[in-house]
Every structure is written in structure tokens, then in C-alpha cells.
C-alpha atoms as a PDB file:
ATOM      1  CA  MET A   1    -108.386 169.651  51.906  1.00  0.00           C
ATOM      2  CA  SER A   2    -110.405 166.592  53.273  1.00  0.00           C
ATOM      3  CA  ASP A   3    -113.393 168.429  54.805  1.00  0.00           C
ATOM      4  CA  THR A   4    -116.766 167.088  54.226  1.00  0.00           C
ATOM      5  CA  LEU A   5    -119.652 169.323  53.259  1.00  0.00           C
ATOM      6  CA  PHE A   6    -123.415 168.190  53.330  1.00  0.00           C
ATOM      7  CA  ILE A   7    -125.594 170.010  50.792  1.00  0.00           C
ATOM      8  CA  THR A   8    -129.240 169.431  50.695  1.00  0.00           C
ATOM      9  CA  GLY A   9    -131.138 170.223  47.420  1.00  0.00           C
ATOM     10  CA  ALA A  10    -128.196 169.847  45.406  1.00  0.00           C
ATOM     11  CA  THR A  11    -129.794 168.889  42.210  1.00  0.00           C
ATOM     12  CA  SER A  12    -130.611 172.396  40.833  1.00  0.00           C
ATOM     13  CA  GLY A  13    -130.121 176.084  41.579  1.00  0.00           C
ATOM     14  CA  PHE A  14    -128.238 177.427  44.592  1.00  0.00           C
ATOM     15  CA  GLY A  15    -127.538 173.733  45.805  1.00  0.00           C
ATOM     16  CA  GLU A  16    -126.007 172.660  42.607  1.00  0.00           C
ATOM     17  CA  ALA A  17    -123.848 175.988  42.469  1.00  0.00           C
ATOM     18  CA  CYS A  18    -122.579 175.376  45.882  1.00  0.00           C
ATOM     19  CA  ALA A  19    -121.775 171.741  44.912  1.00  0.00           C
ATOM     20  CA  ARG A  20    -119.817 172.834  41.874  1.00  0.00           C
ATOM     21  CA  ARG A  21    -117.909 175.713  43.874  1.00  0.00           C
ATOM     22  CA  PHE A  22    -116.923 173.485  46.718  1.00  0.00           C
ATOM     23  CA  ALA A  23    -115.858 170.577  44.537  1.00  0.00           C
ATOM     24  CA  GLU A  24    -113.501 172.915  42.695  1.00  0.00           C
ATOM     25  CA  ALA A  25    -112.198 173.925  46.093  1.00  0.00           C
ATOM     26  CA  GLY A  26    -111.564 170.259  46.934  1.00  0.00           C
ATOM     27  CA  TRP A  27    -114.116 169.539  49.580  1.00  0.00           C
ATOM     28  CA  LYS A  28    -115.620 166.164  49.897  1.00  0.00           C
ATOM     29  CA  LEU A  29    -119.233 166.109  49.344  1.00  0.00           C
ATOM     30  CA  VAL A  30    -122.435 164.556  50.655  1.00  0.00           C
ATOM     31  CA  LEU A  31    -125.132 165.808  48.062  1.00  0.00           C
ATOM     32  CA  THR A  32    -128.870 165.032  48.600  1.00  0.00           C
ATOM     33  CA  GLY A  33    -131.792 165.560  46.280  1.00  0.00           C
ATOM     34  CA  ARG A  34    -135.051 164.050  45.420  1.00  0.00           C
ATOM     35  CA  ARG A  35    -134.528 163.500  41.588  1.00  0.00           C
ATOM     36  CA  ALA A  36    -132.031 160.548  41.298  1.00  0.00           C
ATOM     37  CA  GLU A  37    -131.168 161.006  37.546  1.00  0.00           C
ATOM     38  CA  ARG A  38    -130.129 164.568  38.063  1.00  0.00           C
ATOM     39  CA  LEU A  39    -128.336 163.749  41.346  1.00  0.00           C
ATOM     40  CA  ASN A  40    -126.473 160.869  39.845  1.00  0.00           C
ATOM     41  CA  ALA A  41    -125.372 162.963  36.896  1.00  0.00           C
ATOM     42  CA  LEU A  42    -124.241 165.656  39.102  1.00  0.00           C
ATOM     43  CA  CYS A  43    -122.255 163.095  41.246  1.00  0.00           C
ATOM     44  CA  ALA A  44    -120.673 161.602  38.245  1.00  0.00           C
ATOM     45  CA  GLU A  45    -119.503 165.081  37.060  1.00  0.00           C
ATOM     46  CA  LEU A  46    -118.026 166.179  40.244  1.00  0.00           C
ATOM     47  CA  SER A  47    -116.465 162.939  41.226  1.00  0.00           C
ATOM     48  CA  LYS A  48    -113.887 164.044  38.579  1.00  0.00           C
ATOM     49  CA  GLN A  49    -112.631 166.548  40.820  1.00  0.00           C
ATOM     50  CA  THR A  50    -113.353 165.242  44.414  1.00  0.00           C
ATOM     51  CA  GLU A  51    -114.960 162.568  46.583  1.00  0.00           C
ATOM     52  CA  VAL A  52    -118.795 162.587  46.172  1.00  0.00           C
ATOM     53  CA  LEU A  53    -121.637 160.666  47.924  1.00  0.00           C
ATOM     54  CA  GLY A  54    -125.058 161.153  46.530  1.00  0.00           C
ATOM     55  CA  LEU A  55    -128.180 160.247  48.519  1.00  0.00           C
ATOM     56  CA  VAL A  56    -131.559 160.396  46.981  1.00  0.00           C
ATOM     57  CA  VAL A  57    -133.864 161.519  49.914  1.00  0.00           C
ATOM     58  CA  ASP A  58    -136.561 163.984  50.571  1.00  0.00           C
ATOM     59  CA  VAL A  59    -135.737 166.512  53.443  1.00  0.00           C
ATOM     60  CA  ARG A  60    -139.355 166.464  54.324  1.00  0.00           C
ATOM     61  CA  ASP A  61    -138.921 162.793  55.406  1.00  0.00           C
ATOM     62  CA  ARG A  62    -137.221 163.268  58.729  1.00  0.00           C
ATOM     63  CA  LYS A  63    -136.647 159.583  59.241  1.00  0.00           C
ATOM     64  CA  ALA A  64    -135.239 159.025  56.002  1.00  0.00           C
ATOM     65  CA  MET A  65    -132.951 162.034  56.545  1.00  0.00           C
ATOM     66  CA  GLU A  66    -131.905 160.628  60.104  1.00  0.00           C
ATOM     67  CA  GLU A  67    -131.153 157.208  58.497  1.00  0.00           C
ATOM     68  CA  ALA A  68    -129.156 158.763  55.790  1.00  0.00           C
ATOM     69  CA  ILE A  69    -126.947 160.640  58.143  1.00  0.00           C
ATOM     70  CA  ALA A  70    -126.531 157.990  60.672  1.00  0.00           C
ATOM     71  CA  ASN A  71    -125.412 155.622  58.002  1.00  0.00           C
ATOM     72  CA  LEU A  72    -122.793 157.675  56.153  1.00  0.00           C
ATOM     73  CA  PRO A  73    -119.857 155.638  55.102  1.00  0.00           C
ATOM     74  CA  PRO A  74    -116.780 156.432  57.747  1.00  0.00           C
ATOM     75  CA  SER A  75    -114.997 158.433  55.067  1.00  0.00           C
ATOM     76  CA  PHE A  76    -117.766 160.903  54.788  1.00  0.00           C
ATOM     77  CA  ALA A  77    -119.043 160.692  58.347  1.00  0.00           C
ATOM     78  CA  THR A  78    -117.129 163.782  59.927  1.00  0.00           C
ATOM     79  CA  LEU A  79    -119.022 166.631  58.565  1.00  0.00           C
ATOM     80  CA  ARG A  80    -117.367 170.163  58.571  1.00  0.00           C
ATOM     81  CA  GLY A  81    -120.264 172.216  57.294  1.00  0.00           C
ATOM     82  CA  LEU A  82    -123.873 172.095  56.006  1.00  0.00           C
ATOM     83  CA  ILE A  83    -125.802 173.943  53.365  1.00  0.00           C
ATOM     84  CA  ASN A  84    -129.499 173.285  54.128  1.00  0.00           C
ATOM     85  CA  ASN A  85    -130.622 174.500  50.820  1.00  0.00           C
ATOM     86  CA  ALA A  86    -133.702 172.333  50.146  1.00  0.00           C
END
């Protein structure tokens, strides 16, 4: 499956659990979080299963979120779903 899922707040809790589950199912993932170290570790782990793009961004910063979404690489730009967890 090459569908791409965008998950906010992916560095812990429900967001992290969703990222793990969808990676197992073969979804490409765009993961966001505020904590770079945790996000990078999760992306490195999940990239063994699927394509993953990590974006260190705070969803409270509307401009930063808009820029992050507008500048997604072409291979991640067609989103099939959103888990707005943050």
C-alpha cells in the first residue's frame, strides 16, 4: 500500500501507537512532533518497515504547519488520511 497518512503528536501516546500500527500495515507516514530527539528515534525505527518523514513542528504554530504541509516532498504530498492527535 502506498497511501500516506499524516499524524500530529506522534512522539508519544496515541499518536505514537497509531504510527506504529500504520507502519505495520505498510502506510507511508508523515509524523510531526515538538521533541526532535523522540521524533527522530521513532522515524528511524519505523523506517525499517515503511517510508517515513518526520517534521519537528508545533501544531500551535499555524504558519509553521502550513509551511510544512506546503513543502512536503512529492512522494509524501498526496495524503490519504490525517490523525490530528496533537
